[in-house]
Amino acid sequence: MKSFTLIELIFVIIIVGLISIGAINAFPDNTLINNTSFIYNKILEKKANSLGFNADMNNAEENRTVCIKFDKQWLKDDENYSKVRFSLSNRIEIDVSSNRKTICFDYLGRPYNGDVDLDNFSNLLHDETNITIKYKQNTKIITIYHITGDVEIQ
């Protein structure tokens, strides 16, 4: 009667395991790219939502702005209103330059540090804001430019 011995079977299982470990490590980790793209698209979505709101100073209901609070909780809460489901990685870190944790856009898409003041533009951003997203040893930077509100991934 011919059959495989237990030692031969164990060696085959070990070889298959080593090959599978090598194959798994060959796939790239796109976590940073995916999370950065998600946050970038959320910023653009909020900016687009703010565009065109009527800026009637006499009616507070009409003078609406859209704000972004840069923390993971905001992104998770915002998922409830979106049809797109995306699970932000728990291992990424979000850091905003100049301690700007909240950025608001007015009806022209101009960025503000916190609340929008359309009377004297005191909170209008006068320098660019960088949102640094870190994952493991890699980083990506999203820049929101002052006055125009243009957004770019670097």
C-alpha atoms as a PDB file:
ATOM      1  CA  MET A   1       0.000   0.000   0.000  1.00  0.00           C
ATOM      2  CA  LYS A   2       1.473   3.308  -1.132  1.00  0.00           C
ATOM      3  CA  SER A   3       0.731   6.553   0.702  1.00  0.00           C
ATOM      4  CA  PHE A   4       2.412   9.696   2.001  1.00  0.00           C
ATOM      5  CA  THR A   5       4.057   9.639   5.357  1.00  0.00           C
ATOM      6  CA  LEU A   6       3.166  12.144   8.023  1.00  0.00           C
ATOM      7  CA  ILE A   7       6.524  13.894   7.633  1.00  0.00           C
ATOM      8  CA  GLU A   8       5.985  14.354   3.887  1.00  0.00           C
ATOM      9  CA  LEU A   9       2.550  15.896   4.526  1.00  0.00           C
ATOM     10  CA  ILE A  10       3.956  18.266   7.146  1.00  0.00           C
ATOM     11  CA  PHE A  11       6.671  19.428   4.736  1.00  0.00           C
ATOM     12  CA  VAL A  12       4.071  20.097   2.029  1.00  0.00           C
ATOM     13  CA  ILE A  13       1.937  22.114   4.471  1.00  0.00           C
ATOM     14  CA  ILE A  14       4.989  24.151   5.557  1.00  0.00           C
ATOM     15  CA  ILE A  15       5.989  24.866   1.952  1.00  0.00           C
ATOM     16  CA  VAL A  16       2.450  25.959   1.032  1.00  0.00           C
ATOM     17  CA  GLY A  17       2.372  28.196   4.134  1.00  0.00           C
ATOM     18  CA  LEU A  18       5.667  29.876   3.246  1.00  0.00           C
ATOM     19  CA  ILE A  19       4.532  30.497  -0.323  1.00  0.00           C
ATOM     20  CA  SER A  20       1.257  32.010   0.893  1.00  0.00           C
ATOM     21  CA  ILE A  21       3.084  34.318   3.346  1.00  0.00           C
ATOM     22  CA  GLY A  22       5.278  35.549   0.505  1.00  0.00           C
ATOM     23  CA  ALA A  23       2.247  36.101  -1.719  1.00  0.00           C
ATOM     24  CA  ILE A  24       0.397  38.105   0.954  1.00  0.00           C
ATOM     25  CA  ASN A  25       3.399  40.408   1.477  1.00  0.00           C
ATOM     26  CA  ALA A  26       3.645  41.005  -2.277  1.00  0.00           C
ATOM     27  CA  PHE A  27       0.329  42.929  -2.292  1.00  0.00           C
ATOM     28  CA  PRO A  28       0.730  46.676  -1.667  1.00  0.00           C
ATOM     29  CA  ASP A  29      -0.883  48.327   1.352  1.00  0.00           C
ATOM     30  CA  ASN A  30      -3.106  51.110  -0.005  1.00  0.00           C
ATOM     31  CA  THR A  31      -4.535  52.138   3.363  1.00  0.00           C
ATOM     32  CA  LEU A  32      -2.871  55.571   3.369  1.00  0.00           C
ATOM     33  CA  ILE A  33      -3.873  56.351  -0.218  1.00  0.00           C
ATOM     34  CA  ASN A  34      -7.469  55.233   0.309  1.00  0.00           C
ATOM     35  CA  ASN A  35      -7.924  57.156   3.566  1.00  0.00           C
ATOM     36  CA  THR A  36      -6.303  60.304   2.133  1.00  0.00           C
ATOM     37  CA  SER A  37      -8.544  60.168  -0.930  1.00  0.00           C
ATOM     38  CA  PHE A  38     -11.593  59.725   1.295  1.00  0.00           C
ATOM     39  CA  ILE A  39     -10.734  62.761   3.443  1.00  0.00           C
ATOM     40  CA  TYR A  40      -9.862  64.813   0.330  1.00  0.00           C
ATOM     41  CA  ASN A  41     -13.227  63.986  -1.241  1.00  0.00           C
ATOM     42  CA  LYS A  42     -15.048  64.845   2.004  1.00  0.00           C
ATOM     43  CA  ILE A  43     -13.384  68.282   2.030  1.00  0.00           C
ATOM     44  CA  LEU A  44     -14.401  68.861  -1.594  1.00  0.00           C
ATOM     45  CA  GLU A  45     -17.938  67.673  -0.817  1.00  0.00           C
ATOM     46  CA  LYS A  46     -18.274  70.111   2.091  1.00  0.00           C
ATOM     47  CA  LYS A  47     -16.876  72.961  -0.002  1.00  0.00           C
ATOM     48  CA  ALA A  48     -19.318  72.165  -2.819  1.00  0.00           C
ATOM     49  CA  ASN A  49     -22.197  72.036  -0.332  1.00  0.00           C
ATOM     50  CA  SER A  50     -21.365  75.542   0.844  1.00  0.00           C
ATOM     51  CA  LEU A  51     -21.277  77.083  -2.629  1.00  0.00           C
ATOM     52  CA  GLY A  52     -24.290  79.098  -3.640  1.00  0.00           C
ATOM     53  CA  PHE A  53     -25.898  79.504  -0.222  1.00  0.00           C
ATOM     54  CA  ASN A  54     -27.605  82.886  -0.100  1.00  0.00           C
ATOM     55  CA  ALA A  55     -25.562  85.330   1.982  1.00  0.00           C
ATOM     56  CA  ASP A  56     -28.419  87.563   3.122  1.00  0.00           C
ATOM     57  CA  MET A  57     -27.129  89.304   6.239  1.00  0.00           C
ATOM     58  CA  ASN A  58     -30.645  90.122   7.478  1.00  0.00           C
ATOM     59  CA  ASN A  59     -31.741  86.512   7.683  1.00  0.00           C
ATOM     60  CA  ALA A  60     -29.593  84.194   9.802  1.00  0.00           C
ATOM     61  CA  GLU A  61     -31.357  81.122   8.380  1.00  0.00           C
ATOM     62  CA  GLU A  62     -30.188  82.019   4.889  1.00  0.00           C
ATOM     63  CA  ASN A  63     -26.608  82.752   5.914  1.00  0.00           C
ATOM     64  CA  ARG A  64     -25.408  79.195   6.113  1.00  0.00           C
ATOM     65  CA  THR A  65     -21.900  77.807   6.081  1.00  0.00           C
ATOM     66  CA  VAL A  66     -20.479  74.316   6.026  1.00  0.00           C
ATOM     67  CA  CYS A  67     -17.828  73.389   8.579  1.00  0.00           C
ATOM     68  CA  ILE A  68     -15.390  70.518   8.878  1.00  0.00           C
ATOM     69  CA  LYS A  69     -14.041  69.393  12.234  1.00  0.00           C
ATOM     70  CA  PHE A  70     -10.884  67.424  11.542  1.00  0.00           C
ATOM     71  CA  ASP A  71     -11.126  64.392  13.770  1.00  0.00           C
ATOM     72  CA  LYS A  72     -12.094  60.791  13.210  1.00  0.00           C
ATOM     73  CA  GLN A  73     -15.404  61.235  14.998  1.00  0.00           C
ATOM     74  CA  TRP A  74     -16.564  63.837  12.458  1.00  0.00           C
ATOM     75  CA  LEU A  75     -15.767  61.468   9.618  1.00  0.00           C
ATOM     76  CA  LYS A  76     -17.630  58.614  11.303  1.00  0.00           C
ATOM     77  CA  ASP A  77     -20.649  60.823  12.086  1.00  0.00           C
ATOM     78  CA  ASP A  78     -20.680  62.148   8.527  1.00  0.00           C
ATOM     79  CA  GLU A  79     -20.897  58.588   7.200  1.00  0.00           C
ATOM     80  CA  ASN A  80     -24.455  58.381   8.541  1.00  0.00           C
ATOM     81  CA  TYR A  81     -25.539  61.026   6.017  1.00  0.00           C
ATOM     82  CA  SER A  82     -23.747  59.546   3.039  1.00  0.00           C
ATOM     83  CA  LYS A  83     -24.764  56.685   0.791  1.00  0.00           C
ATOM     84  CA  VAL A  84     -21.109  55.796   0.350  1.00  0.00           C
ATOM     85  CA  ARG A  85     -19.783  53.538   3.102  1.00  0.00           C
ATOM     86  CA  PHE A  86     -16.120  53.766   3.927  1.00  0.00           C
ATOM     87  CA  SER A  87     -14.441  52.596   7.070  1.00  0.00           C
ATOM     88  CA  LEU A  88     -11.611  54.925   8.032  1.00  0.00           C
ATOM     89  CA  SER A  89      -8.624  53.005   9.371  1.00  0.00           C
ATOM     90  CA  ASN A  90      -8.163  53.197  13.144  1.00  0.00           C
ATOM     91  CA  ARG A  91      -4.397  53.239  12.663  1.00  0.00           C
ATOM     92  CA  ILE A  92      -4.133  56.539  10.799  1.00  0.00           C
ATOM     93  CA  GLU A  93      -3.307  59.834  12.496  1.00  0.00           C
ATOM     94  CA  ILE A  94      -4.755  63.168  11.354  1.00  0.00           C
ATOM     95  CA  ASP A  95      -2.790  66.317  12.192  1.00  0.00           C
ATOM     96  CA  VAL A  96      -3.864  69.824  11.131  1.00  0.00           C
ATOM     97  CA  SER A  97      -1.308  72.633  10.877  1.00  0.00           C
ATOM     98  CA  SER A  98      -1.666  75.771  13.003  1.00  0.00           C
ATOM     99  CA  ASN A  99      -4.047  73.967  15.375  1.00  0.00           C
ATOM    100  CA  ARG A 100      -6.964  74.597  13.035  1.00  0.00           C
ATOM    101  CA  LYS A 101      -9.322  71.859  14.084  1.00  0.00           C
ATOM    102  CA  THR A 102     -12.378  73.388  12.379  1.00  0.00           C
ATOM    103  CA  ILE A 103     -12.463  74.942   8.920  1.00  0.00           C
ATOM    104  CA  CYS A 104     -15.664  76.442   7.515  1.00  0.00           C
ATOM    105  CA  PHE A 105     -16.510  77.419   3.940  1.00  0.00           C
ATOM    106  CA  ASP A 106     -18.774  80.335   3.051  1.00  0.00           C
ATOM    107  CA  TYR A 107     -21.135  80.637   0.085  1.00  0.00           C
ATOM    108  CA  LEU A 108     -18.199  81.499  -2.234  1.00  0.00           C
ATOM    109  CA  GLY A 109     -16.087  78.546  -1.093  1.00  0.00           C
ATOM    110  CA  ARG A 110     -13.647  80.700   0.895  1.00  0.00           C
ATOM    111  CA  PRO A 111     -12.101  78.928   3.899  1.00  0.00           C
ATOM    112  CA  TYR A 112     -12.323  80.306   7.430  1.00  0.00           C
ATOM    113  CA  ASN A 113     -10.640  79.331  10.666  1.00  0.00           C
ATOM    114  CA  GLY A 114     -13.712  78.407  12.679  1.00  0.00           C
ATOM    115  CA  ASP A 115     -16.831  80.530  12.396  1.00  0.00           C
ATOM    116  CA  VAL A 116     -17.506  82.572   9.289  1.00  0.00           C
ATOM    117  CA  ASP A 117     -17.692  86.333   9.804  1.00  0.00           C
ATOM    118  CA  LEU A 118     -18.939  87.909   6.580  1.00  0.00           C
ATOM    119  CA  ASP A 119     -18.967  91.414   8.070  1.00  0.00           C
ATOM    120  CA  ASN A 120     -15.228  91.918   8.518  1.00  0.00           C
ATOM    121  CA  PHE A 121     -13.673  88.610   7.365  1.00  0.00           C
ATOM    122  CA  SER A 122     -11.648  88.356  10.569  1.00  0.00           C
ATOM    123  CA  ASN A 123     -11.449  84.554  10.456  1.00  0.00           C
ATOM    124  CA  LEU A 124     -10.711  84.261   6.730  1.00  0.00           C
ATOM    125  CA  LEU A 125      -7.644  82.072   6.228  1.00  0.00           C
ATOM    126  CA  HIS A 126      -4.583  84.121   5.294  1.00  0.00           C
ATOM    127  CA  ASP A 127      -2.222  81.182   4.913  1.00  0.00           C
ATOM    128  CA  GLU A 128      -2.564  77.638   3.699  1.00  0.00           C
ATOM    129  CA  THR A 129      -3.661  74.828   5.972  1.00  0.00           C
ATOM    130  CA  ASN A 130      -1.999  71.424   5.773  1.00  0.00           C
ATOM    131  CA  ILE A 131      -3.759  68.276   6.918  1.00  0.00           C
ATOM    132  CA  THR A 132      -1.138  65.593   7.483  1.00  0.00           C
ATOM    133  CA  ILE A 133      -2.335  61.998   7.383  1.00  0.00           C
ATOM    134  CA  LYS A 134       0.093  59.450   8.820  1.00  0.00           C
ATOM    135  CA  TYR A 135      -0.017  55.693   8.497  1.00  0.00           C
ATOM    136  CA  LYS A 136       2.884  53.567   9.702  1.00  0.00           C
ATOM    137  CA  GLN A 137       5.993  55.420   8.446  1.00  0.00           C
ATOM    138  CA  ASN A 138       4.316  57.152   5.486  1.00  0.00           C
ATOM    139  CA  THR A 139       2.551  60.502   5.258  1.00  0.00           C
ATOM    140  CA  LYS A 140       0.299  62.321   2.809  1.00  0.00           C
ATOM    141  CA  ILE A 141      -0.570  66.007   2.980  1.00  0.00           C
ATOM    142  CA  ILE A 142      -3.809  67.666   1.922  1.00  0.00           C
ATOM    143  CA  THR A 143      -3.464  71.430   1.482  1.00  0.00           C
ATOM    144  CA  ILE A 144      -6.345  73.908   1.680  1.00  0.00           C
ATOM    145  CA  TYR A 145      -5.224  77.192   0.149  1.00  0.00           C
ATOM    146  CA  HIS A 146      -6.192  80.533   1.679  1.00  0.00           C
ATOM    147  CA  ILE A 147      -8.755  82.872   0.095  1.00  0.00           C
ATOM    148  CA  THR A 148      -9.613  80.547  -2.838  1.00  0.00           C
ATOM    149  CA  GLY A 149     -10.244  77.390  -0.831  1.00  0.00           C
ATOM    150  CA  ASP A 150      -8.563  75.202  -3.443  1.00  0.00           C
ATOM    151  CA  VAL A 151      -7.723  71.727  -2.154  1.00  0.00           C
ATOM    152  CA  GLU A 152      -4.749  69.625  -3.252  1.00  0.00           C
ATOM    153  CA  ILE A 153      -3.097  66.323  -2.292  1.00  0.00           C
ATOM    154  CA  GLN A 154       0.688  66.371  -2.096  1.00  0.00           C
END
